[in-house]
Amino acid sequence: MSFLSGLLKSVQAPPEKNPMTLARDKAQKEALRKKQKQEEKKRENDEVKAWDMVKEFKGSDENLFKFPVMTSDERAVVHEVCSQNSIPSHAFGVEEEDRRVIAFKSGFEPSEEDLLLMDRSLNYEDCLADLKARKATIEAKRKANELASEKPTNASRSTVQKFQPSAKAQRLLGALDATPKAPEQGEYGEVPRHLSHHAKRNTEKRPSSELSEKGKGSEPKRQKK
């Protein structure tokens, strides 16, 4: 117990705040509370206005509705109300100058591809004109790339069609074509008559002994006179 009591005594009590400091802190808390209440009340009023405008838009024949120029907090309320009514909405314009929310009827909202190409820092009309120009530029580049990719193919085809062998190659090809080929007998056909007759005459002129020795791979012997 003596140890605990000594420890508690050693702990210093927090210093008392100055009355002026206490009054200032109290005023700041009160101002913050009032500001929060004002913001909550303003948000409620913004929601009521947004609901009225969305209701008016839903009952009209217009395909889009332009909300007034608003702050970022007011636009957030409008986007939330539009989302609750399943109405697409997007903001266009320069922040703190002319940025506003535009709501669209179903089927008339910009596509995801258009939203990626849009410069939504412009007002909606200028944004549409800029989008049209960008699409035209992209289409022109696409066509140019297609033409560029087709040119090498056409050039290679024309090169193959116009190919001519060199003079040396033509002489070699001509020599190969002029070389006589030995006729074969068997499955590819009969030996021509004039060639078979010539071979028969040569066989008759030689003795049978010479033909037999030649078939064995040796030179024929000459007969002594």
C-alpha atoms as a PDB file:
ATOM      1  CA  MET A   1       0.000   0.000   0.000  1.00  0.00           C
ATOM      2  CA  SER A   2       2.793   2.412   0.795  1.00  0.00           C
ATOM      3  CA  PHE A   3       4.245   1.875  -2.678  1.00  0.00           C
ATOM      4  CA  LEU A   4       0.923   2.563  -4.408  1.00  0.00           C
ATOM      5  CA  SER A   5       0.188   5.616  -2.314  1.00  0.00           C
ATOM      6  CA  GLY A   6       3.633   7.022  -3.061  1.00  0.00           C
ATOM      7  CA  LEU A   7       3.130   6.352  -6.781  1.00  0.00           C
ATOM      8  CA  LEU A   8      -0.218   8.137  -6.808  1.00  0.00           C
ATOM      9  CA  LYS A   9       1.221  11.118  -5.017  1.00  0.00           C
ATOM     10  CA  SER A  10       4.052  11.338  -7.552  1.00  0.00           C
ATOM     11  CA  VAL A  11       1.564  11.635 -10.423  1.00  0.00           C
ATOM     12  CA  GLN A  12       0.851  15.296 -11.034  1.00  0.00           C
ATOM     13  CA  ALA A  13      -2.688  16.435 -11.597  1.00  0.00           C
ATOM     14  CA  PRO A  14      -3.410  18.058 -14.992  1.00  0.00           C
ATOM     15  CA  PRO A  15      -3.065  21.803 -14.916  1.00  0.00           C
ATOM     16  CA  GLU A  16      -6.291  23.715 -14.765  1.00  0.00           C
ATOM     17  CA  LYS A  17      -7.220  25.548 -17.982  1.00  0.00           C
ATOM     18  CA  ASN A  18      -7.358  29.254 -18.134  1.00  0.00           C
ATOM     19  CA  PRO A  19     -10.981  30.538 -18.037  1.00  0.00           C
ATOM     20  CA  MET A  20     -10.353  32.421 -21.266  1.00  0.00           C
ATOM     21  CA  THR A  21      -9.154  29.223 -22.940  1.00  0.00           C
ATOM     22  CA  LEU A  22     -12.221  27.374 -21.716  1.00  0.00           C
ATOM     23  CA  ALA A  23     -14.516  30.090 -23.057  1.00  0.00           C
ATOM     24  CA  ARG A  24     -12.766  30.037 -26.444  1.00  0.00           C
ATOM     25  CA  ASP A  25     -13.021  26.249 -26.769  1.00  0.00           C
ATOM     26  CA  LYS A  26     -16.684  26.405 -25.860  1.00  0.00           C
ATOM     27  CA  ALA A  27     -17.335  29.058 -28.513  1.00  0.00           C
ATOM     28  CA  GLN A  28     -15.539  27.038 -31.188  1.00  0.00           C
ATOM     29  CA  LYS A  29     -17.583  23.933 -30.387  1.00  0.00           C
ATOM     30  CA  GLU A  30     -20.791  25.938 -30.526  1.00  0.00           C
ATOM     31  CA  ALA A  31     -19.841  27.464 -33.883  1.00  0.00           C
ATOM     32  CA  LEU A  32     -19.009  24.011 -35.298  1.00  0.00           C
ATOM     33  CA  ARG A  33     -22.342  22.629 -34.080  1.00  0.00           C
ATOM     34  CA  LYS A  34     -24.245  25.506 -35.721  1.00  0.00           C
ATOM     35  CA  LYS A  35     -22.339  25.048 -38.977  1.00  0.00           C
ATOM     36  CA  GLN A  36     -23.159  21.363 -39.056  1.00  0.00           C
ATOM     37  CA  LYS A  37     -26.832  22.097 -38.470  1.00  0.00           C
ATOM     38  CA  GLN A  38     -26.819  24.684 -41.260  1.00  0.00           C
ATOM     39  CA  GLU A  39     -25.169  22.223 -43.654  1.00  0.00           C
ATOM     40  CA  GLU A  40     -27.692  19.550 -42.772  1.00  0.00           C
ATOM     41  CA  LYS A  41     -30.570  21.961 -43.320  1.00  0.00           C
ATOM     42  CA  LYS A  42     -29.089  23.132 -46.626  1.00  0.00           C
ATOM     43  CA  ARG A  43     -28.657  19.539 -47.801  1.00  0.00           C
ATOM     44  CA  GLU A  44     -32.284  18.829 -46.977  1.00  0.00           C
ATOM     45  CA  ASN A  45     -33.341  21.866 -49.018  1.00  0.00           C
ATOM     46  CA  ASP A  46     -31.071  20.793 -51.900  1.00  0.00           C
ATOM     47  CA  GLU A  47     -32.624  17.338 -51.860  1.00  0.00           C
ATOM     48  CA  VAL A  48     -36.118  18.812 -52.005  1.00  0.00           C
ATOM     49  CA  LYS A  49     -35.171  21.017 -54.974  1.00  0.00           C
ATOM     50  CA  ALA A  50     -33.457  18.137 -56.750  1.00  0.00           C
ATOM     51  CA  TRP A  51     -36.484  15.879 -56.280  1.00  0.00           C
ATOM     52  CA  ASP A  52     -38.778  18.576 -57.683  1.00  0.00           C
ATOM     53  CA  MET A  53     -36.574  19.083 -60.781  1.00  0.00           C
ATOM     54  CA  VAL A  54     -36.190  15.339 -61.370  1.00  0.00           C
ATOM     55  CA  LYS A  55     -39.934  14.855 -61.058  1.00  0.00           C
ATOM     56  CA  GLU A  56     -40.512  17.639 -63.582  1.00  0.00           C
ATOM     57  CA  PHE A  57     -37.988  16.092 -65.979  1.00  0.00           C
ATOM     58  CA  LYS A  58     -39.536  12.627 -65.743  1.00  0.00           C
ATOM     59  CA  GLY A  59     -42.936  14.020 -66.669  1.00  0.00           C
ATOM     60  CA  SER A  60     -41.636  16.014 -69.665  1.00  0.00           C
ATOM     61  CA  ASP A  61     -40.969  14.952 -73.259  1.00  0.00           C
ATOM     62  CA  GLU A  62     -37.365  16.175 -73.163  1.00  0.00           C
ATOM     63  CA  ASN A  63     -34.508  13.692 -73.567  1.00  0.00           C
ATOM     64  CA  LEU A  64     -32.136  15.608 -71.287  1.00  0.00           C
ATOM     65  CA  PHE A  65     -32.373  18.134 -68.478  1.00  0.00           C
ATOM     66  CA  LYS A  66     -29.788  20.753 -67.545  1.00  0.00           C
ATOM     67  CA  PHE A  67     -29.609  21.562 -63.845  1.00  0.00           C
ATOM     68  CA  PRO A  68     -28.421  25.020 -62.768  1.00  0.00           C
ATOM     69  CA  VAL A  69     -24.737  25.707 -62.100  1.00  0.00           C
ATOM     70  CA  MET A  70     -23.975  24.203 -58.674  1.00  0.00           C
ATOM     71  CA  THR A  71     -21.203  23.593 -56.196  1.00  0.00           C
ATOM     72  CA  SER A  72     -19.659  20.154 -55.793  1.00  0.00           C
ATOM     73  CA  ASP A  73     -21.808  19.411 -52.712  1.00  0.00           C
ATOM     74  CA  GLU A  74     -25.002  20.433 -54.521  1.00  0.00           C
ATOM     75  CA  ARG A  75     -24.087  18.330 -57.549  1.00  0.00           C
ATOM     76  CA  ALA A  76     -23.468  15.341 -55.282  1.00  0.00           C
ATOM     77  CA  VAL A  77     -27.048  15.660 -54.000  1.00  0.00           C
ATOM     78  CA  VAL A  78     -28.399  15.854 -57.564  1.00  0.00           C
ATOM     79  CA  HIS A  79     -26.432  12.774 -58.643  1.00  0.00           C
ATOM     80  CA  GLU A  80     -27.775  10.870 -55.644  1.00  0.00           C
ATOM     81  CA  VAL A  81     -31.381  11.814 -56.395  1.00  0.00           C
ATOM     82  CA  CYS A  82     -30.956  10.906 -60.086  1.00  0.00           C
ATOM     83  CA  SER A  83     -29.475   7.547 -59.109  1.00  0.00           C
ATOM     84  CA  GLN A  84     -32.442   6.833 -56.851  1.00  0.00           C
ATOM     85  CA  ASN A  85     -34.720   7.469 -59.861  1.00  0.00           C
ATOM     86  CA  SER A  86     -32.576   5.353 -62.263  1.00  0.00           C
ATOM     87  CA  ILE A  87     -31.739   8.445 -64.337  1.00  0.00           C
ATOM     88  CA  PRO A  88     -28.218   8.702 -65.824  1.00  0.00           C
ATOM     89  CA  SER A  89     -26.475  11.965 -64.933  1.00  0.00           C
ATOM     90  CA  HIS A  90     -23.088  13.516 -65.762  1.00  0.00           C
ATOM     91  CA  ALA A  91     -21.469  16.845 -64.956  1.00  0.00           C
ATOM     92  CA  PHE A  92     -20.018  19.182 -67.602  1.00  0.00           C
ATOM     93  CA  GLY A  93     -18.204  22.503 -67.421  1.00  0.00           C
ATOM     94  CA  VAL A  94     -15.410  24.181 -65.492  1.00  0.00           C
ATOM     95  CA  GLU A  95     -15.385  23.793 -61.723  1.00  0.00           C
ATOM     96  CA  GLU A  96     -16.633  26.900 -59.839  1.00  0.00           C
ATOM     97  CA  GLU A  97     -17.526  28.593 -63.152  1.00  0.00           C
ATOM     98  CA  ASP A  98     -20.198  26.863 -65.215  1.00  0.00           C
ATOM     99  CA  ARG A  99     -20.116  23.207 -64.139  1.00  0.00           C
ATOM    100  CA  ARG A 100     -23.587  21.691 -63.992  1.00  0.00           C
ATOM    101  CA  VAL A 101     -25.315  18.311 -63.950  1.00  0.00           C
ATOM    102  CA  ILE A 102     -27.137  17.060 -67.035  1.00  0.00           C
ATOM    103  CA  ALA A 103     -29.652  14.229 -66.645  1.00  0.00           C
ATOM    104  CA  PHE A 104     -30.632  11.951 -69.550  1.00  0.00           C
ATOM    105  CA  LYS A 105     -33.630   9.828 -70.326  1.00  0.00           C
ATOM    106  CA  SER A 106     -32.880   6.118 -70.650  1.00  0.00           C
ATOM    107  CA  GLY A 107     -31.373   5.366 -74.064  1.00  0.00           C
ATOM    108  CA  PHE A 108     -30.197   8.936 -74.703  1.00  0.00           C
ATOM    109  CA  GLU A 109     -27.205   9.029 -72.342  1.00  0.00           C
ATOM    110  CA  PRO A 110     -23.633   9.039 -73.725  1.00  0.00           C
ATOM    111  CA  SER A 111     -22.030   5.640 -74.182  1.00  0.00           C
ATOM    112  CA  GLU A 112     -19.069   4.512 -72.131  1.00  0.00           C
ATOM    113  CA  GLU A 113     -16.812   4.973 -75.175  1.00  0.00           C
ATOM    114  CA  ASP A 114     -18.073   8.532 -75.699  1.00  0.00           C
ATOM    115  CA  LEU A 115     -17.559   9.367 -72.033  1.00  0.00           C
ATOM    116  CA  LEU A 116     -13.927   8.293 -72.304  1.00  0.00           C
ATOM    117  CA  LEU A 117     -13.417  10.554 -75.327  1.00  0.00           C
ATOM    118  CA  MET A 118     -15.368  13.533 -73.978  1.00  0.00           C
ATOM    119  CA  ASP A 119     -13.639  16.570 -72.530  1.00  0.00           C
ATOM    120  CA  ARG A 120     -16.175  17.210 -69.794  1.00  0.00           C
ATOM    121  CA  SER A 121     -14.472  20.388 -68.688  1.00  0.00           C
ATOM    122  CA  LEU A 122     -16.360  21.974 -71.609  1.00  0.00           C
ATOM    123  CA  ASN A 123     -20.038  22.808 -71.555  1.00  0.00           C
ATOM    124  CA  TYR A 124     -22.281  20.153 -73.054  1.00  0.00           C
ATOM    125  CA  GLU A 125     -22.716  21.703 -76.516  1.00  0.00           C
ATOM    126  CA  ASP A 126     -18.988  22.341 -76.984  1.00  0.00           C
ATOM    127  CA  CYS A 127     -18.307  18.876 -75.596  1.00  0.00           C
ATOM    128  CA  LEU A 128     -20.467  17.268 -78.305  1.00  0.00           C
ATOM    129  CA  ALA A 129     -18.709  19.238 -81.059  1.00  0.00           C
ATOM    130  CA  ASP A 130     -15.311  18.249 -79.658  1.00  0.00           C
ATOM    131  CA  LEU A 131     -16.416  14.611 -79.465  1.00  0.00           C
ATOM    132  CA  LYS A 132     -17.469  14.636 -83.133  1.00  0.00           C
ATOM    133  CA  ALA A 133     -14.084  16.050 -84.182  1.00  0.00           C
ATOM    134  CA  ARG A 134     -12.215  13.459 -82.125  1.00  0.00           C
ATOM    135  CA  LYS A 135     -14.182  10.591 -83.643  1.00  0.00           C
ATOM    136  CA  ALA A 136     -13.437  11.883 -87.149  1.00  0.00           C
ATOM    137  CA  THR A 137      -9.714  12.032 -86.335  1.00  0.00           C
ATOM    138  CA  ILE A 138      -9.732   8.494 -84.927  1.00  0.00           C
ATOM    139  CA  GLU A 139     -11.547   7.170 -88.011  1.00  0.00           C
ATOM    140  CA  ALA A 140      -9.062   8.887 -90.360  1.00  0.00           C
ATOM    141  CA  LYS A 141      -6.130   7.357 -88.466  1.00  0.00           C
ATOM    142  CA  ARG A 142      -7.760   3.929 -88.604  1.00  0.00           C
ATOM    143  CA  LYS A 143      -8.180   4.099 -92.383  1.00  0.00           C
ATOM    144  CA  ALA A 144      -4.606   5.321 -92.816  1.00  0.00           C
ATOM    145  CA  ASN A 145      -3.306   2.383 -90.756  1.00  0.00           C
ATOM    146  CA  GLU A 146      -5.345  -0.067 -92.845  1.00  0.00           C
ATOM    147  CA  LEU A 147      -3.894   1.335 -96.078  1.00  0.00           C
ATOM    148  CA  ALA A 148      -0.379   1.225 -94.633  1.00  0.00           C
ATOM    149  CA  SER A 149      -0.796  -2.416 -93.594  1.00  0.00           C
ATOM    150  CA  GLU A 150      -2.064  -3.383 -97.084  1.00  0.00           C
ATOM    151  CA  LYS A 151       0.821  -1.788 -99.039  1.00  0.00           C
ATOM    152  CA  PRO A 152       3.558  -4.341 -98.145  1.00  0.00           C
ATOM    153  CA  THR A 153       1.244  -7.210 -99.148  1.00  0.00           C
ATOM    154  CA  ASN A 154       0.528  -5.721-102.569  1.00  0.00           C
ATOM    155  CA  ALA A 155       4.198  -4.926-103.101  1.00  0.00           C
ATOM    156  CA  SER A 156       5.271  -8.473-102.263  1.00  0.00           C
ATOM    157  CA  ARG A 157       2.648  -9.925-104.623  1.00  0.00           C
ATOM    158  CA  SER A 158       3.773  -7.703-107.486  1.00  0.00           C
ATOM    159  CA  THR A 159       7.403  -8.660-106.805  1.00  0.00           C
ATOM    160  CA  VAL A 160       6.589 -12.345-107.010  1.00  0.00           C
ATOM    161  CA  GLN A 161       4.608 -11.922-110.232  1.00  0.00           C
ATOM    162  CA  LYS A 162       7.348  -9.891-111.963  1.00  0.00           C
ATOM    163  CA  PHE A 163      10.245 -12.212-110.958  1.00  0.00           C
ATOM    164  CA  GLN A 164      12.513 -13.230-113.838  1.00  0.00           C
ATOM    165  CA  PRO A 165      15.497 -15.644-113.567  1.00  0.00           C
ATOM    166  CA  SER A 166      18.938 -14.332-114.434  1.00  0.00           C
ATOM    167  CA  ALA A 167      20.626 -15.020-117.765  1.00  0.00           C
ATOM    168  CA  LYS A 168      22.920 -17.616-116.193  1.00  0.00           C
ATOM    169  CA  ALA A 169      19.988 -19.388-114.601  1.00  0.00           C
ATOM    170  CA  GLN A 170      18.159 -19.381-117.938  1.00  0.00           C
ATOM    171  CA  ARG A 171      21.177 -21.002-119.658  1.00  0.00           C
ATOM    172  CA  LEU A 172      21.364 -23.685-116.987  1.00  0.00           C
ATOM    173  CA  LEU A 173      17.671 -24.378-117.243  1.00  0.00           C
ATOM    174  CA  GLY A 174      17.954 -24.610-121.029  1.00  0.00           C
ATOM    175  CA  ALA A 175      20.847 -27.053-120.755  1.00  0.00           C
ATOM    176  CA  LEU A 176      18.907 -29.237-118.386  1.00  0.00           C
ATOM    177  CA  ASP A 177      15.931 -29.270-120.713  1.00  0.00           C
ATOM    178  CA  ALA A 178      18.142 -30.192-123.696  1.00  0.00           C
ATOM    179  CA  THR A 179      19.826 -33.158-121.915  1.00  0.00           C
ATOM    180  CA  PRO A 180      18.367 -36.421-123.327  1.00  0.00           C
ATOM    181  CA  LYS A 181      16.931 -38.801-120.829  1.00  0.00           C
ATOM    182  CA  ALA A 182      17.484 -42.524-121.057  1.00  0.00           C
ATOM    183  CA  PRO A 183      14.240 -44.320-121.758  1.00  0.00           C
ATOM    184  CA  GLU A 184      13.169 -46.906-119.268  1.00  0.00           C
ATOM    185  CA  GLN A 185      11.228 -50.073-119.857  1.00  0.00           C
ATOM    186  CA  GLY A 186       8.859 -51.478-117.320  1.00  0.00           C
ATOM    187  CA  GLU A 187       6.096 -49.857-115.447  1.00  0.00           C
ATOM    188  CA  TYR A 188       6.681 -46.516-117.206  1.00  0.00           C
ATOM    189  CA  GLY A 189       6.249 -47.906-120.757  1.00  0.00           C
ATOM    190  CA  GLU A 190       8.095 -49.587-123.625  1.00  0.00           C
ATOM    191  CA  VAL A 191      11.408 -48.522-125.131  1.00  0.00           C
ATOM    192  CA  PRO A 192      10.901 -46.743-128.502  1.00  0.00           C
ATOM    193  CA  ARG A 193      11.331 -48.943-131.588  1.00  0.00           C
ATOM    194  CA  HIS A 194      14.248 -47.114-133.142  1.00  0.00           C
ATOM    195  CA  LEU A 195      16.231 -47.345-129.891  1.00  0.00           C
ATOM    196  CA  SER A 196      15.396 -51.009-129.292  1.00  0.00           C
ATOM    197  CA  HIS A 197      16.343 -51.831-132.906  1.00  0.00           C
ATOM    198  CA  HIS A 198      19.682 -50.035-132.507  1.00  0.00           C
ATOM    199  CA  ALA A 199      20.445 -51.961-129.293  1.00  0.00           C
ATOM    200  CA  LYS A 200      19.587 -55.257-131.036  1.00  0.00           C
ATOM    201  CA  ARG A 201      21.968 -54.547-133.926  1.00  0.00           C
ATOM    202  CA  ASN A 202      24.839 -53.828-131.516  1.00  0.00           C
ATOM    203  CA  THR A 203      24.150 -57.091-129.723  1.00  0.00           C
ATOM    204  CA  GLU A 204      24.211 -59.097-132.928  1.00  0.00           C
ATOM    205  CA  LYS A 205      27.592 -57.696-133.961  1.00  0.00           C
ATOM    206  CA  ARG A 206      29.316 -58.847-130.746  1.00  0.00           C
ATOM    207  CA  PRO A 207      30.101 -62.487-129.936  1.00  0.00           C
ATOM    208  CA  SER A 208      28.133 -64.106-127.199  1.00  0.00           C
ATOM    209  CA  SER A 209      31.329 -64.680-125.172  1.00  0.00           C
ATOM    210  CA  GLU A 210      32.039 -60.949-125.079  1.00  0.00           C
ATOM    211  CA  LEU A 211      28.545 -60.176-123.919  1.00  0.00           C
ATOM    212  CA  SER A 212      28.748 -62.726-121.126  1.00  0.00           C
ATOM    213  CA  GLU A 213      32.146 -61.451-119.942  1.00  0.00           C
ATOM    214  CA  LYS A 214      30.960 -57.854-120.049  1.00  0.00           C
ATOM    215  CA  GLY A 215      27.990 -58.793-117.927  1.00  0.00           C
ATOM    216  CA  LYS A 216      30.433 -60.122-115.338  1.00  0.00           C
ATOM    217  CA  GLY A 217      32.225 -56.807-115.161  1.00  0.00           C
ATOM    218  CA  SER A 218      35.452 -57.829-117.089  1.00  0.00           C
ATOM    219  CA  GLU A 219      36.889 -56.574-120.362  1.00  0.00           C
ATOM    220  CA  PRO A 220      36.125 -58.706-123.487  1.00  0.00           C
ATOM    221  CA  LYS A 221      39.049 -60.817-124.830  1.00  0.00           C
ATOM    222  CA  ARG A 222      40.154 -60.373-128.393  1.00  0.00           C
ATOM    223  CA  GLN A 223      40.301 -63.500-130.572  1.00  0.00           C
ATOM    224  CA  LYS A 224      43.636 -64.512-132.041  1.00  0.00           C
ATOM    225  CA  LYS A 225      43.768 -64.689-135.773  1.00  0.00           C
END
